[in-house]
Amino acid sequence: MEPSKRSEVRRLPERGDYDPQTINSILDEALICHVGFVADEGYPVVIPTIHARSGGTLYLHGSPASRMLRSVKNGAEVCVTVTIVDGLVLARSVFHHSMNYRSVVIFGRPREVDDPDEKMRALEAVTEHVAHGRWADARLPNDLEFKGTTVLAIAIDETSAKIRTGPPGDDDEDYELPIWAGVVPVATTFGTAIEDPALRDGIEAPGYVTDYRR
């Protein structure tokens, strides 16, 4: 995938990655994204929200009353980002402290999903993004809920990933300093599921809950 002028990684370009498989894997693992847009009032806003990828399309959803969805559903440009932190990089100098991370930036003009079949598939994708296997277990949206949900689609074609891995990079003269340096790994873990107090007796947690993973 060739980067556009906007999506090209300029700061430390060696960390840029434009391979669709790399980009898709980061989007799929990240639980939420942040959507940047200019509100109708003219000021910039960044909103965290759940996303889901299906093929080359990123889907967002929410209430029709959502300021974000109202502002961008008519084709206003957005910038969507996701970030996964993999480690805290502690260098010998304060200047070279960093983080190991995987991130993606997407530029695009969202379109509102009007086709009922695509909209339902998008809602399935969002549900499965949160918990794979849940769509088949849970009650599907009724007509009122379906009509009361706005879904936006963004083509994943003006995008890039940026990735940092490895140990600190100190100045040559600092390697002799008596200061510990290295990486503190960071990982997202999921605990034991807590039952809804209103859960009926005899209902066991499904495997995708007891063995949740991304």
C-alpha atoms as a PDB file:
ATOM      1  CA  MET A   1       0.000   0.000   0.000  1.00  0.00           C
ATOM      2  CA  GLU A   2       1.451   3.371  -1.036  1.00  0.00           C
ATOM      3  CA  PRO A   3       1.093   6.108   1.596  1.00  0.00           C
ATOM      4  CA  SER A   4      -0.508   9.452   0.832  1.00  0.00           C
ATOM      5  CA  LYS A   5       1.120  12.721   1.838  1.00  0.00           C
ATOM      6  CA  ARG A   6      -1.042  12.730   4.948  1.00  0.00           C
ATOM      7  CA  SER A   7      -0.539   9.112   5.959  1.00  0.00           C
ATOM      8  CA  GLU A   8       3.195   8.935   5.274  1.00  0.00           C
ATOM      9  CA  VAL A   9       5.242   8.521   8.457  1.00  0.00           C
ATOM     10  CA  ARG A  10       7.659  11.444   8.512  1.00  0.00           C
ATOM     11  CA  ARG A  11       9.053  11.394  12.039  1.00  0.00           C
ATOM     12  CA  LEU A  12      11.327   8.307  12.245  1.00  0.00           C
ATOM     13  CA  PRO A  13      10.088   6.947   8.894  1.00  0.00           C
ATOM     14  CA  GLU A  14      11.890   3.639   9.454  1.00  0.00           C
ATOM     15  CA  ARG A  15       9.141   2.815  11.937  1.00  0.00           C
ATOM     16  CA  GLY A  16       6.439   3.228   9.328  1.00  0.00           C
ATOM     17  CA  ASP A  17       4.659   0.184   7.951  1.00  0.00           C
ATOM     18  CA  TYR A  18       2.131   0.254   5.117  1.00  0.00           C
ATOM     19  CA  ASP A  19       1.470  -3.459   4.827  1.00  0.00           C
ATOM     20  CA  PRO A  20      -2.309  -4.122   5.010  1.00  0.00           C
ATOM     21  CA  GLN A  21      -1.827  -7.259   7.109  1.00  0.00           C
ATOM     22  CA  THR A  22       0.129  -5.307   9.714  1.00  0.00           C
ATOM     23  CA  ILE A  23      -2.437  -2.511   9.759  1.00  0.00           C
ATOM     24  CA  ASN A  24      -5.375  -4.932   9.994  1.00  0.00           C
ATOM     25  CA  SER A  25      -3.817  -6.921  12.841  1.00  0.00           C
ATOM     26  CA  ILE A  26      -3.387  -3.769  14.936  1.00  0.00           C
ATOM     27  CA  LEU A  27      -6.932  -2.603  14.226  1.00  0.00           C
ATOM     28  CA  ASP A  28      -8.317  -6.014  15.154  1.00  0.00           C
ATOM     29  CA  GLU A  29      -6.394  -6.292  18.425  1.00  0.00           C
ATOM     30  CA  ALA A  30      -7.084  -2.782  19.710  1.00  0.00           C
ATOM     31  CA  LEU A  31     -10.299  -2.568  21.731  1.00  0.00           C
ATOM     32  CA  ILE A  32     -11.065   1.084  21.002  1.00  0.00           C
ATOM     33  CA  CYS A  33     -10.107   3.820  18.583  1.00  0.00           C
ATOM     34  CA  HIS A  34     -10.055   7.615  18.818  1.00  0.00           C
ATOM     35  CA  VAL A  35     -11.860   9.656  16.169  1.00  0.00           C
ATOM     36  CA  GLY A  36     -10.687  13.195  15.489  1.00  0.00           C
ATOM     37  CA  PHE A  37     -12.974  15.614  13.649  1.00  0.00           C
ATOM     38  CA  VAL A  38     -14.005  19.248  13.523  1.00  0.00           C
ATOM     39  CA  ALA A  39     -17.335  19.788  15.284  1.00  0.00           C
ATOM     40  CA  ASP A  40     -20.140  21.764  13.703  1.00  0.00           C
ATOM     41  CA  GLU A  41     -19.176  24.623  16.015  1.00  0.00           C
ATOM     42  CA  GLY A  42     -15.764  24.785  14.350  1.00  0.00           C
ATOM     43  CA  TYR A  43     -13.441  23.413  17.040  1.00  0.00           C
ATOM     44  CA  PRO A  44     -11.523  20.102  16.999  1.00  0.00           C
ATOM     45  CA  VAL A  45     -12.788  17.126  19.003  1.00  0.00           C
ATOM     46  CA  VAL A  46     -11.343  13.655  19.665  1.00  0.00           C
ATOM     47  CA  ILE A  47     -13.750  10.947  20.862  1.00  0.00           C
ATOM     48  CA  PRO A  48     -12.901   7.390  22.004  1.00  0.00           C
ATOM     49  CA  THR A  49     -15.256   4.746  20.650  1.00  0.00           C
ATOM     50  CA  ILE A  50     -15.559   1.072  19.748  1.00  0.00           C
ATOM     51  CA  HIS A  51     -14.667   0.158  16.193  1.00  0.00           C
ATOM     52  CA  ALA A  52     -14.638  -2.949  14.042  1.00  0.00           C
ATOM     53  CA  ARG A  53     -12.920  -3.881  10.798  1.00  0.00           C
ATOM     54  CA  SER A  54     -14.520  -5.941   8.064  1.00  0.00           C
ATOM     55  CA  GLY A  55     -12.281  -6.425   5.057  1.00  0.00           C
ATOM     56  CA  GLY A  56     -11.079  -3.012   3.955  1.00  0.00           C
ATOM     57  CA  THR A  57     -13.735  -1.086   5.875  1.00  0.00           C
ATOM     58  CA  LEU A  58     -13.724   0.333   9.397  1.00  0.00           C
ATOM     59  CA  TYR A  59     -17.126   0.632  11.066  1.00  0.00           C
ATOM     60  CA  LEU A  60     -18.199   2.991  13.850  1.00  0.00           C
ATOM     61  CA  HIS A  61     -21.613   3.024  15.482  1.00  0.00           C
ATOM     62  CA  GLY A  62     -23.634   4.937  18.037  1.00  0.00           C
ATOM     63  CA  SER A  63     -26.756   6.912  18.783  1.00  0.00           C
ATOM     64  CA  PRO A  64     -28.089   9.260  16.108  1.00  0.00           C
ATOM     65  CA  ALA A  65     -27.819  11.948  18.811  1.00  0.00           C
ATOM     66  CA  SER A  66     -24.040  11.452  19.042  1.00  0.00           C
ATOM     67  CA  ARG A  67     -22.249  14.696  18.251  1.00  0.00           C
ATOM     68  CA  MET A  68     -19.488  12.802  16.494  1.00  0.00           C
ATOM     69  CA  LEU A  69     -21.827  10.820  14.261  1.00  0.00           C
ATOM     70  CA  ARG A  70     -23.953  13.860  13.468  1.00  0.00           C
ATOM     71  CA  SER A  71     -20.872  15.900  12.587  1.00  0.00           C
ATOM     72  CA  VAL A  72     -19.194  13.423  10.271  1.00  0.00           C
ATOM     73  CA  LYS A  73     -21.940  11.257   8.734  1.00  0.00           C
ATOM     74  CA  ASN A  74     -22.345  13.667   5.809  1.00  0.00           C
ATOM     75  CA  GLY A  75     -18.796  13.146   4.636  1.00  0.00           C
ATOM     76  CA  ALA A  76     -16.687  15.425   6.824  1.00  0.00           C
ATOM     77  CA  GLU A  77     -13.118  14.231   7.056  1.00  0.00           C
ATOM     78  CA  VAL A  78     -11.927  12.335  10.106  1.00  0.00           C
ATOM     79  CA  CYS A  79      -8.672  11.010  11.465  1.00  0.00           C
ATOM     80  CA  VAL A  80      -8.988   7.677  13.293  1.00  0.00           C
ATOM     81  CA  THR A  81      -6.172   6.363  15.477  1.00  0.00           C
ATOM     82  CA  VAL A  82      -5.535   3.225  17.515  1.00  0.00           C
ATOM     83  CA  THR A  83      -2.564   2.547  19.784  1.00  0.00           C
ATOM     84  CA  ILE A  84      -1.382  -0.556  21.606  1.00  0.00           C
ATOM     85  CA  VAL A  85       1.391  -0.004  24.181  1.00  0.00           C
ATOM     86  CA  ASP A  86       3.773  -2.962  24.429  1.00  0.00           C
ATOM     87  CA  GLY A  87       6.461  -1.652  26.758  1.00  0.00           C
ATOM     88  CA  LEU A  88       7.941   1.235  28.738  1.00  0.00           C
ATOM     89  CA  VAL A  89      11.411   2.004  27.408  1.00  0.00           C
ATOM     90  CA  LEU A  90      13.649   3.345  30.191  1.00  0.00           C
ATOM     91  CA  ALA A  91      16.890   4.763  28.838  1.00  0.00           C
ATOM     92  CA  ARG A  92      19.970   6.040  30.650  1.00  0.00           C
ATOM     93  CA  SER A  93      19.057   9.587  29.712  1.00  0.00           C
ATOM     94  CA  VAL A  94      15.656  11.163  30.242  1.00  0.00           C
ATOM     95  CA  PHE A  95      15.714  12.389  26.644  1.00  0.00           C
ATOM     96  CA  HIS A  96      15.741   8.869  25.189  1.00  0.00           C
ATOM     97  CA  HIS A  97      12.942   7.407  27.289  1.00  0.00           C
ATOM     98  CA  SER A  98      10.182   6.065  25.064  1.00  0.00           C
ATOM     99  CA  MET A  99       7.549   3.367  24.664  1.00  0.00           C
ATOM    100  CA  ASN A 100       7.295   0.303  22.492  1.00  0.00           C
ATOM    101  CA  TYR A 101       4.000   0.511  20.654  1.00  0.00           C
ATOM    102  CA  ARG A 102       1.945  -0.381  17.601  1.00  0.00           C
ATOM    103  CA  SER A 103      -0.284   2.319  16.165  1.00  0.00           C
ATOM    104  CA  VAL A 104      -2.430   3.004  13.115  1.00  0.00           C
ATOM    105  CA  VAL A 105      -3.689   6.276  11.638  1.00  0.00           C
ATOM    106  CA  ILE A 106      -6.556   6.346   9.114  1.00  0.00           C
ATOM    107  CA  PHE A 107      -7.732   9.381   7.150  1.00  0.00           C
ATOM    108  CA  GLY A 108     -11.060   9.330   5.351  1.00  0.00           C
ATOM    109  CA  ARG A 109     -14.578  10.589   4.754  1.00  0.00           C
ATOM    110  CA  PRO A 110     -17.169   8.397   6.505  1.00  0.00           C
ATOM    111  CA  ARG A 111     -20.387   7.406   4.791  1.00  0.00           C
ATOM    112  CA  GLU A 112     -23.554   6.538   6.631  1.00  0.00           C
ATOM    113  CA  VAL A 113     -24.534   2.900   6.124  1.00  0.00           C
ATOM    114  CA  ASP A 114     -28.110   2.862   4.828  1.00  0.00           C
ATOM    115  CA  ASP A 115     -28.277  -0.643   3.394  1.00  0.00           C
ATOM    116  CA  PRO A 116     -29.966  -2.817   6.062  1.00  0.00           C
ATOM    117  CA  ASP A 117     -27.884  -5.898   5.278  1.00  0.00           C
ATOM    118  CA  GLU A 118     -24.571  -4.044   5.487  1.00  0.00           C
ATOM    119  CA  LYS A 119     -25.719  -2.269   8.632  1.00  0.00           C
ATOM    120  CA  MET A 120     -26.563  -5.557  10.338  1.00  0.00           C
ATOM    121  CA  ARG A 121     -23.228  -7.046   9.260  1.00  0.00           C
ATOM    122  CA  ALA A 122     -21.485  -3.985  10.686  1.00  0.00           C
ATOM    123  CA  LEU A 123     -23.249  -4.375  14.022  1.00  0.00           C
ATOM    124  CA  GLU A 124     -22.255  -8.029  14.042  1.00  0.00           C
ATOM    125  CA  ALA A 125     -18.636  -7.041  13.347  1.00  0.00           C
ATOM    126  CA  VAL A 126     -18.651  -4.563  16.235  1.00  0.00           C
ATOM    127  CA  THR A 127     -20.111  -7.162  18.613  1.00  0.00           C
ATOM    128  CA  GLU A 128     -17.623  -9.799  17.509  1.00  0.00           C
ATOM    129  CA  HIS A 129     -14.774  -7.292  17.855  1.00  0.00           C
ATOM    130  CA  VAL A 130     -15.602  -7.005  21.549  1.00  0.00           C
ATOM    131  CA  ALA A 131     -16.206 -10.724  22.176  1.00  0.00           C
ATOM    132  CA  HIS A 132     -15.813 -13.263  19.395  1.00  0.00           C
ATOM    133  CA  GLY A 133     -18.812 -15.602  19.443  1.00  0.00           C
ATOM    134  CA  ARG A 134     -21.175 -13.219  21.235  1.00  0.00           C
ATOM    135  CA  TRP A 135     -23.370 -12.385  18.217  1.00  0.00           C
ATOM    136  CA  ALA A 136     -24.675 -15.950  18.048  1.00  0.00           C
ATOM    137  CA  ASP A 137     -25.561 -15.975  21.760  1.00  0.00           C
ATOM    138  CA  ALA A 138     -27.119 -12.568  22.401  1.00  0.00           C
ATOM    139  CA  ARG A 139     -30.513 -11.205  21.342  1.00  0.00           C
ATOM    140  CA  LEU A 140     -30.183  -9.389  18.026  1.00  0.00           C
ATOM    141  CA  PRO A 141     -31.339  -5.758  17.614  1.00  0.00           C
ATOM    142  CA  ASN A 142     -35.085  -5.278  17.288  1.00  0.00           C
ATOM    143  CA  ASP A 143     -36.531  -2.796  14.798  1.00  0.00           C
ATOM    144  CA  LEU A 144     -36.500   0.102  17.253  1.00  0.00           C
ATOM    145  CA  GLU A 145     -32.889  -0.540  18.279  1.00  0.00           C
ATOM    146  CA  PHE A 146     -31.818  -1.050  14.679  1.00  0.00           C
ATOM    147  CA  LYS A 147     -33.364   2.227  13.555  1.00  0.00           C
ATOM    148  CA  GLY A 148     -31.984   3.970  16.621  1.00  0.00           C
ATOM    149  CA  THR A 149     -28.379   3.126  15.751  1.00  0.00           C
ATOM    150  CA  THR A 150     -26.232   5.043  13.270  1.00  0.00           C
ATOM    151  CA  VAL A 151     -23.418   3.161  11.538  1.00  0.00           C
ATOM    152  CA  LEU A 152     -20.585   4.855   9.658  1.00  0.00           C
ATOM    153  CA  ALA A 153     -18.144   3.209   7.272  1.00  0.00           C
ATOM    154  CA  ILE A 154     -14.623   4.438   6.508  1.00  0.00           C
ATOM    155  CA  ALA A 155     -12.495   2.927   3.751  1.00  0.00           C
ATOM    156  CA  ILE A 156      -9.116   1.765   5.067  1.00  0.00           C
ATOM    157  CA  ASP A 157      -7.118   3.018   2.114  1.00  0.00           C
ATOM    158  CA  GLU A 158      -5.349   6.174   3.345  1.00  0.00           C
ATOM    159  CA  THR A 159      -3.545   4.738   6.315  1.00  0.00           C
ATOM    160  CA  SER A 160      -0.252   3.810   7.917  1.00  0.00           C
ATOM    161  CA  ALA A 161       1.105   1.948  10.898  1.00  0.00           C
ATOM    162  CA  LYS A 162       3.963   3.043  13.111  1.00  0.00           C
ATOM    163  CA  ILE A 163       5.761   0.571  15.338  1.00  0.00           C
ATOM    164  CA  ARG A 164       8.566   0.766  17.883  1.00  0.00           C
ATOM    165  CA  THR A 165      10.250  -2.324  19.294  1.00  0.00           C
ATOM    166  CA  GLY A 166      13.457  -3.140  21.096  1.00  0.00           C
ATOM    167  CA  PRO A 167      15.689  -1.671  23.806  1.00  0.00           C
ATOM    168  CA  PRO A 168      16.545   1.953  24.530  1.00  0.00           C
ATOM    169  CA  GLY A 169      18.743   3.888  22.141  1.00  0.00           C
ATOM    170  CA  ASP A 170      21.140   5.944  24.223  1.00  0.00           C
ATOM    171  CA  ASP A 171      23.959   8.243  23.180  1.00  0.00           C
ATOM    172  CA  ASP A 172      27.274   6.395  22.910  1.00  0.00           C
ATOM    173  CA  GLU A 173      28.833   8.211  25.861  1.00  0.00           C
ATOM    174  CA  ASP A 174      25.873   7.312  28.103  1.00  0.00           C
ATOM    175  CA  TYR A 175      26.305   3.552  27.863  1.00  0.00           C
ATOM    176  CA  GLU A 176      28.995   3.709  30.527  1.00  0.00           C
ATOM    177  CA  LEU A 177      26.726   5.424  33.059  1.00  0.00           C
ATOM    178  CA  PRO A 178      25.855   3.331  36.175  1.00  0.00           C
ATOM    179  CA  ILE A 179      22.117   3.616  35.438  1.00  0.00           C
ATOM    180  CA  TRP A 180      19.715   0.733  34.836  1.00  0.00           C
ATOM    181  CA  ALA A 181      18.151   0.736  31.369  1.00  0.00           C
ATOM    182  CA  GLY A 182      15.741  -1.612  29.665  1.00  0.00           C
ATOM    183  CA  VAL A 183      12.113  -2.292  28.837  1.00  0.00           C
ATOM    184  CA  VAL A 184       9.179  -2.897  31.166  1.00  0.00           C
ATOM    185  CA  PRO A 185       6.738  -5.038  29.138  1.00  0.00           C
ATOM    186  CA  VAL A 186       3.101  -3.923  29.056  1.00  0.00           C
ATOM    187  CA  ALA A 187       0.252  -6.331  28.344  1.00  0.00           C
ATOM    188  CA  THR A 188      -3.529  -6.141  28.587  1.00  0.00           C
ATOM    189  CA  THR A 189      -4.896  -8.948  30.734  1.00  0.00           C
ATOM    190  CA  PHE A 190      -8.474 -10.024  31.375  1.00  0.00           C
ATOM    191  CA  GLY A 191      -9.668 -11.186  34.760  1.00  0.00           C
ATOM    192  CA  THR A 192     -12.290 -13.668  35.885  1.00  0.00           C
ATOM    193  CA  ALA A 193     -15.740 -12.714  34.632  1.00  0.00           C
ATOM    194  CA  ILE A 194     -18.153 -11.286  37.228  1.00  0.00           C
ATOM    195  CA  GLU A 195     -21.728 -12.509  36.895  1.00  0.00           C
ATOM    196  CA  ASP A 196     -24.622 -10.095  36.564  1.00  0.00           C
ATOM    197  CA  PRO A 197     -26.433 -10.207  39.948  1.00  0.00           C
ATOM    198  CA  ALA A 198     -29.678 -10.655  37.997  1.00  0.00           C
ATOM    199  CA  LEU A 199     -28.393 -13.723  36.122  1.00  0.00           C
ATOM    200  CA  ARG A 200     -30.767 -16.691  36.306  1.00  0.00           C
ATOM    201  CA  ASP A 201     -29.561 -19.802  38.115  1.00  0.00           C
ATOM    202  CA  GLY A 202     -27.938 -22.496  36.016  1.00  0.00           C
ATOM    203  CA  ILE A 203     -26.536 -20.270  33.261  1.00  0.00           C
ATOM    204  CA  GLU A 204     -22.855 -20.983  32.792  1.00  0.00           C
ATOM    205  CA  ALA A 205     -20.410 -18.499  31.292  1.00  0.00           C
ATOM    206  CA  PRO A 206     -19.525 -19.408  27.681  1.00  0.00           C
ATOM    207  CA  GLY A 207     -15.995 -20.319  26.706  1.00  0.00           C
ATOM    208  CA  TYR A 208     -15.289 -16.996  25.035  1.00  0.00           C
ATOM    209  CA  VAL A 209     -15.882 -15.378  28.457  1.00  0.00           C
ATOM    210  CA  THR A 210     -14.005 -17.831  30.681  1.00  0.00           C
ATOM    211  CA  ASP A 211     -11.078 -17.973  28.239  1.00  0.00           C
ATOM    212  CA  TYR A 212     -11.303 -14.425  26.858  1.00  0.00           C
ATOM    213  CA  ARG A 213      -8.448 -13.378  24.644  1.00  0.00           C
ATOM    214  CA  ARG A 214      -7.763 -11.086  21.717  1.00  0.00           C
END
